[in-house]
Amino acid sequence: MGGGLGAKIDLSGFPGRGDGALFSEAVGAILLEMEPSADPFELFGGLPWKEVGRVTDSGCIEVADGGREVWSSSVDELVKIWEKPFAEVVR
């Protein structure tokens, strides 16, 4: 959030509902950010992995499911929402 970058996330390929893919926990599952030049095949060897999105310079988080946009918001708006409860407490 601090860098003002965005992301394009694609939920296609996940079983079930998209919100389950975003918010559920699976044993042994992790979300990892990698440099574009990194080779996941080299990093993970024979372990299963899936690319779920890319960092962008758009300043917007966009979530799609098979090409259909399901949600998007600007990072600036998300920062305001995230900071609001803290501002009310720290007054």
N, C-alpha and C. Protein backbone atom coordinates (compact mmCIF):
# COMPACT_ATOMS: atom_id res chain seq x y z
N MET A 1 0.83 -1.19 0.00
CA MET A 1 0.00 0.00 0.00
C MET A 1 0.87 1.25 0.00
N GLY A 2 1.98 1.19 0.69
CA GLY A 2 2.82 2.36 0.79
C GLY A 2 3.42 2.80 -0.53
N GLY A 3 3.62 1.87 -1.45
CA GLY A 3 4.21 2.20 -2.73
C GLY A 3 3.20 2.71 -3.74
N GLY A 4 1.91 2.62 -3.42
CA GLY A 4 0.88 3.08 -4.33
C GLY A 4 0.72 2.20 -5.56
N LEU A 5 1.30 1.02 -5.52
CA LEU A 5 1.17 0.10 -6.65
C LEU A 5 -0.18 -0.58 -6.61
N GLY A 6 -0.53 -1.27 -7.66
CA GLY A 6 -1.78 -2.00 -7.72
C GLY A 6 -1.51 -3.46 -8.03
N ALA A 7 -2.57 -4.18 -8.35
CA ALA A 7 -2.44 -5.59 -8.70
C ALA A 7 -3.60 -6.02 -9.56
N LYS A 8 -3.34 -6.97 -10.44
CA LYS A 8 -4.37 -7.66 -11.20
C LYS A 8 -4.36 -9.10 -10.71
N ILE A 9 -5.49 -9.54 -10.16
CA ILE A 9 -5.61 -10.87 -9.59
C ILE A 9 -6.66 -11.64 -10.38
N ASP A 10 -6.35 -12.89 -10.71
CA ASP A 10 -7.29 -13.73 -11.48
C ASP A 10 -7.61 -14.98 -10.67
N LEU A 11 -8.88 -15.16 -10.36
CA LEU A 11 -9.31 -16.28 -9.53
C LEU A 11 -9.66 -17.52 -10.35
N SER A 12 -9.59 -17.43 -11.68
CA SER A 12 -9.93 -18.60 -12.49
C SER A 12 -8.96 -19.73 -12.18
N GLY A 13 -9.44 -20.91 -12.22
CA GLY A 13 -8.60 -22.05 -11.91
C GLY A 13 -8.68 -22.50 -10.46
N PHE A 14 -9.33 -21.69 -9.61
CA PHE A 14 -9.55 -22.11 -8.23
C PHE A 14 -10.91 -22.79 -8.15
N PRO A 15 -11.00 -23.89 -7.43
CA PRO A 15 -12.31 -24.54 -7.30
C PRO A 15 -13.24 -23.73 -6.39
N GLY A 16 -14.53 -23.82 -6.63
CA GLY A 16 -15.50 -23.17 -5.75
C GLY A 16 -15.64 -21.68 -6.02
N ARG A 17 -16.15 -20.98 -5.03
CA ARG A 17 -16.42 -19.55 -5.14
C ARG A 17 -15.14 -18.74 -5.06
N GLY A 18 -15.15 -17.59 -5.72
CA GLY A 18 -13.98 -16.72 -5.72
C GLY A 18 -13.62 -16.19 -4.35
N ASP A 19 -14.63 -15.88 -3.52
CA ASP A 19 -14.31 -15.36 -2.19
C ASP A 19 -13.61 -16.43 -1.35
N GLY A 20 -13.89 -17.69 -1.63
CA GLY A 20 -13.18 -18.76 -0.95
C GLY A 20 -11.71 -18.77 -1.31
N ALA A 21 -11.41 -18.52 -2.58
CA ALA A 21 -10.01 -18.47 -3.02
C ALA A 21 -9.28 -17.30 -2.38
N LEU A 22 -9.98 -16.19 -2.17
CA LEU A 22 -9.33 -15.01 -1.59
C LEU A 22 -9.13 -15.11 -0.09
N PHE A 23 -10.11 -15.68 0.62
CA PHE A 23 -10.10 -15.57 2.08
C PHE A 23 -9.97 -16.88 2.84
N SER A 24 -10.01 -18.01 2.17
CA SER A 24 -9.90 -19.27 2.90
C SER A 24 -8.43 -19.58 3.18
N GLU A 25 -8.23 -20.48 4.10
CA GLU A 25 -6.88 -20.93 4.43
C GLU A 25 -6.76 -22.39 4.06
N ALA A 26 -5.66 -22.75 3.48
CA ALA A 26 -5.40 -24.14 3.15
C ALA A 26 -4.07 -24.54 3.79
N VAL A 27 -4.02 -25.73 4.32
CA VAL A 27 -2.80 -26.21 4.96
C VAL A 27 -1.67 -26.19 3.94
N GLY A 28 -0.61 -25.51 4.28
CA GLY A 28 0.57 -25.47 3.41
C GLY A 28 0.52 -24.44 2.30
N ALA A 29 -0.57 -23.68 2.20
CA ALA A 29 -0.67 -22.67 1.15
C ALA A 29 -0.08 -21.35 1.63
N ILE A 30 0.66 -20.69 0.76
CA ILE A 30 1.23 -19.38 1.07
C ILE A 30 1.05 -18.46 -0.13
N LEU A 31 1.03 -17.17 0.12
CA LEU A 31 1.03 -16.18 -0.94
C LEU A 31 2.40 -15.54 -0.94
N LEU A 32 3.05 -15.55 -2.08
CA LEU A 32 4.43 -15.11 -2.18
C LEU A 32 4.57 -14.10 -3.30
N GLU A 33 5.21 -12.98 -3.01
CA GLU A 33 5.51 -11.98 -4.04
C GLU A 33 6.92 -12.24 -4.53
N MET A 34 7.07 -12.29 -5.86
CA MET A 34 8.38 -12.58 -6.46
C MET A 34 8.74 -11.52 -7.48
N GLU A 35 10.02 -11.31 -7.68
CA GLU A 35 10.50 -10.45 -8.76
C GLU A 35 10.06 -11.07 -10.09
N PRO A 36 9.73 -10.25 -11.08
CA PRO A 36 9.32 -10.80 -12.38
C PRO A 36 10.37 -11.72 -13.01
N SER A 37 11.63 -11.49 -12.69
CA SER A 37 12.70 -12.31 -13.27
C SER A 37 12.89 -13.64 -12.55
N ALA A 38 12.25 -13.82 -11.38
CA ALA A 38 12.41 -15.06 -10.62
C ALA A 38 11.76 -16.23 -11.36
N ASP A 39 12.34 -17.40 -11.19
CA ASP A 39 11.84 -18.60 -11.84
C ASP A 39 11.16 -19.49 -10.80
N PRO A 40 9.81 -19.53 -10.78
CA PRO A 40 9.13 -20.35 -9.77
C PRO A 40 9.44 -21.83 -9.90
N PHE A 41 9.72 -22.31 -11.10
CA PHE A 41 10.07 -23.72 -11.27
C PHE A 41 11.36 -24.03 -10.52
N GLU A 42 12.31 -23.11 -10.57
CA GLU A 42 13.57 -23.29 -9.86
C GLU A 42 13.36 -23.18 -8.35
N LEU A 43 12.55 -22.22 -7.93
CA LEU A 43 12.32 -22.00 -6.51
C LEU A 43 11.56 -23.15 -5.86
N PHE A 44 10.51 -23.63 -6.51
CA PHE A 44 9.64 -24.64 -5.91
C PHE A 44 9.96 -26.07 -6.33
N GLY A 45 10.84 -26.24 -7.28
CA GLY A 45 11.16 -27.60 -7.72
C GLY A 45 9.91 -28.28 -8.24
N GLY A 46 9.60 -29.44 -7.71
CA GLY A 46 8.44 -30.19 -8.16
C GLY A 46 7.16 -29.91 -7.39
N LEU A 47 7.19 -28.93 -6.49
CA LEU A 47 5.99 -28.62 -5.70
C LEU A 47 4.95 -27.90 -6.56
N PRO A 48 3.67 -28.12 -6.29
CA PRO A 48 2.64 -27.42 -7.06
C PRO A 48 2.59 -25.94 -6.68
N TRP A 49 2.36 -25.09 -7.67
CA TRP A 49 2.23 -23.65 -7.44
C TRP A 49 1.31 -23.07 -8.50
N LYS A 50 0.80 -21.87 -8.25
CA LYS A 50 -0.09 -21.21 -9.20
C LYS A 50 0.14 -19.71 -9.12
N GLU A 51 0.28 -19.08 -10.27
CA GLU A 51 0.34 -17.62 -10.31
C GLU A 51 -1.08 -17.10 -10.22
N VAL A 52 -1.33 -16.18 -9.29
CA VAL A 52 -2.67 -15.64 -9.11
C VAL A 52 -2.79 -14.20 -9.58
N GLY A 53 -1.67 -13.56 -9.87
CA GLY A 53 -1.76 -12.18 -10.32
C GLY A 53 -0.41 -11.54 -10.53
N ARG A 54 -0.47 -10.27 -10.85
CA ARG A 54 0.73 -9.48 -11.11
C ARG A 54 0.59 -8.12 -10.45
N VAL A 55 1.70 -7.60 -9.95
CA VAL A 55 1.75 -6.24 -9.44
C VAL A 55 1.74 -5.30 -10.64
N THR A 56 0.99 -4.20 -10.52
CA THR A 56 0.92 -3.21 -11.60
C THR A 56 1.25 -1.83 -11.04
N ASP A 57 1.42 -0.88 -11.91
CA ASP A 57 1.64 0.50 -11.47
C ASP A 57 0.37 1.34 -11.61
N SER A 58 -0.79 0.67 -11.68
CA SER A 58 -2.07 1.34 -11.92
C SER A 58 -2.62 2.05 -10.69
N GLY A 59 -2.17 1.68 -9.50
CA GLY A 59 -2.75 2.24 -8.28
C GLY A 59 -4.13 1.68 -7.98
N CYS A 60 -4.45 0.54 -8.58
CA CYS A 60 -5.78 -0.06 -8.42
C CYS A 60 -5.62 -1.57 -8.22
N ILE A 61 -6.43 -2.13 -7.32
CA ILE A 61 -6.49 -3.58 -7.15
C ILE A 61 -7.69 -4.06 -7.96
N GLU A 62 -7.44 -4.96 -8.89
CA GLU A 62 -8.50 -5.48 -9.76
C GLU A 62 -8.55 -7.00 -9.61
N VAL A 63 -9.74 -7.51 -9.30
CA VAL A 63 -9.92 -8.96 -9.14
C VAL A 63 -10.89 -9.43 -10.22
N ALA A 64 -10.47 -10.44 -10.96
CA ALA A 64 -11.30 -11.01 -12.03
C ALA A 64 -11.42 -12.51 -11.83
N ASP A 65 -12.44 -13.07 -12.44
CA ASP A 65 -12.63 -14.52 -12.43
C ASP A 65 -12.89 -14.94 -13.86
N GLY A 66 -11.86 -15.46 -14.51
CA GLY A 66 -12.00 -15.88 -15.89
C GLY A 66 -12.31 -14.75 -16.85
N GLY A 67 -11.71 -13.59 -16.64
CA GLY A 67 -11.94 -12.45 -17.51
C GLY A 67 -13.09 -11.55 -17.09
N ARG A 68 -13.91 -11.99 -16.15
CA ARG A 68 -15.03 -11.18 -15.67
C ARG A 68 -14.60 -10.45 -14.40
N GLU A 69 -14.63 -9.12 -14.43
CA GLU A 69 -14.25 -8.35 -13.24
C GLU A 69 -15.26 -8.57 -12.13
N VAL A 70 -14.77 -8.92 -10.95
CA VAL A 70 -15.66 -9.14 -9.81
C VAL A 70 -15.51 -8.06 -8.75
N TRP A 71 -14.38 -7.34 -8.75
CA TRP A 71 -14.18 -6.28 -7.77
C TRP A 71 -12.97 -5.46 -8.17
N SER A 72 -13.02 -4.16 -7.89
CA SER A 72 -11.84 -3.31 -8.06
C SER A 72 -11.97 -2.09 -7.16
N SER A 73 -10.84 -1.55 -6.77
CA SER A 73 -10.80 -0.35 -5.96
C SER A 73 -9.44 0.29 -6.10
N SER A 74 -9.39 1.60 -5.93
CA SER A 74 -8.09 2.27 -5.94
C SER A 74 -7.38 1.99 -4.62
N VAL A 75 -6.08 1.93 -4.68
CA VAL A 75 -5.29 1.72 -3.47
C VAL A 75 -5.49 2.90 -2.52
N ASP A 76 -5.60 4.12 -3.05
CA ASP A 76 -5.84 5.29 -2.21
C ASP A 76 -7.11 5.13 -1.38
N GLU A 77 -8.18 4.65 -2.00
CA GLU A 77 -9.44 4.45 -1.28
C GLU A 77 -9.29 3.37 -0.21
N LEU A 78 -8.59 2.30 -0.54
CA LEU A 78 -8.37 1.23 0.44
C LEU A 78 -7.55 1.72 1.63
N VAL A 79 -6.56 2.57 1.38
CA VAL A 79 -5.76 3.13 2.47
C VAL A 79 -6.64 3.97 3.38
N LYS A 80 -7.52 4.80 2.81
CA LYS A 80 -8.43 5.62 3.63
C LYS A 80 -9.31 4.74 4.51
N ILE A 81 -9.85 3.68 3.94
CA ILE A 81 -10.72 2.77 4.69
C ILE A 81 -9.93 2.09 5.81
N TRP A 82 -8.70 1.68 5.52
CA TRP A 82 -7.86 0.99 6.49
C TRP A 82 -7.46 1.93 7.63
N GLU A 83 -7.18 3.21 7.31
CA GLU A 83 -6.71 4.17 8.31
C GLU A 83 -7.84 4.74 9.17
N LYS A 84 -9.07 4.74 8.69
CA LYS A 84 -10.18 5.39 9.39
C LYS A 84 -10.36 4.91 10.83
N PRO A 85 -10.40 3.61 11.11
CA PRO A 85 -10.58 3.19 12.51
C PRO A 85 -9.45 3.69 13.42
N PHE A 86 -8.23 3.75 12.90
CA PHE A 86 -7.11 4.22 13.71
C PHE A 86 -7.25 5.71 14.02
N ALA A 87 -7.71 6.49 13.06
CA ALA A 87 -7.88 7.92 13.27
C ALA A 87 -8.94 8.18 14.34
N GLU A 88 -9.98 7.36 14.38
CA GLU A 88 -11.03 7.53 15.38
C GLU A 88 -10.53 7.19 16.78
N VAL A 89 -9.61 6.27 16.90
CA VAL A 89 -9.08 5.85 18.19
C VAL A 89 -8.02 6.82 18.70
N VAL A 90 -7.23 7.39 17.81
CA VAL A 90 -6.08 8.20 18.20
C VAL A 90 -6.44 9.67 18.40
N ARG A 91 -7.61 10.08 18.11
CA ARG A 91 -8.00 11.50 18.21
C ARG A 91 -7.44 12.19 19.38
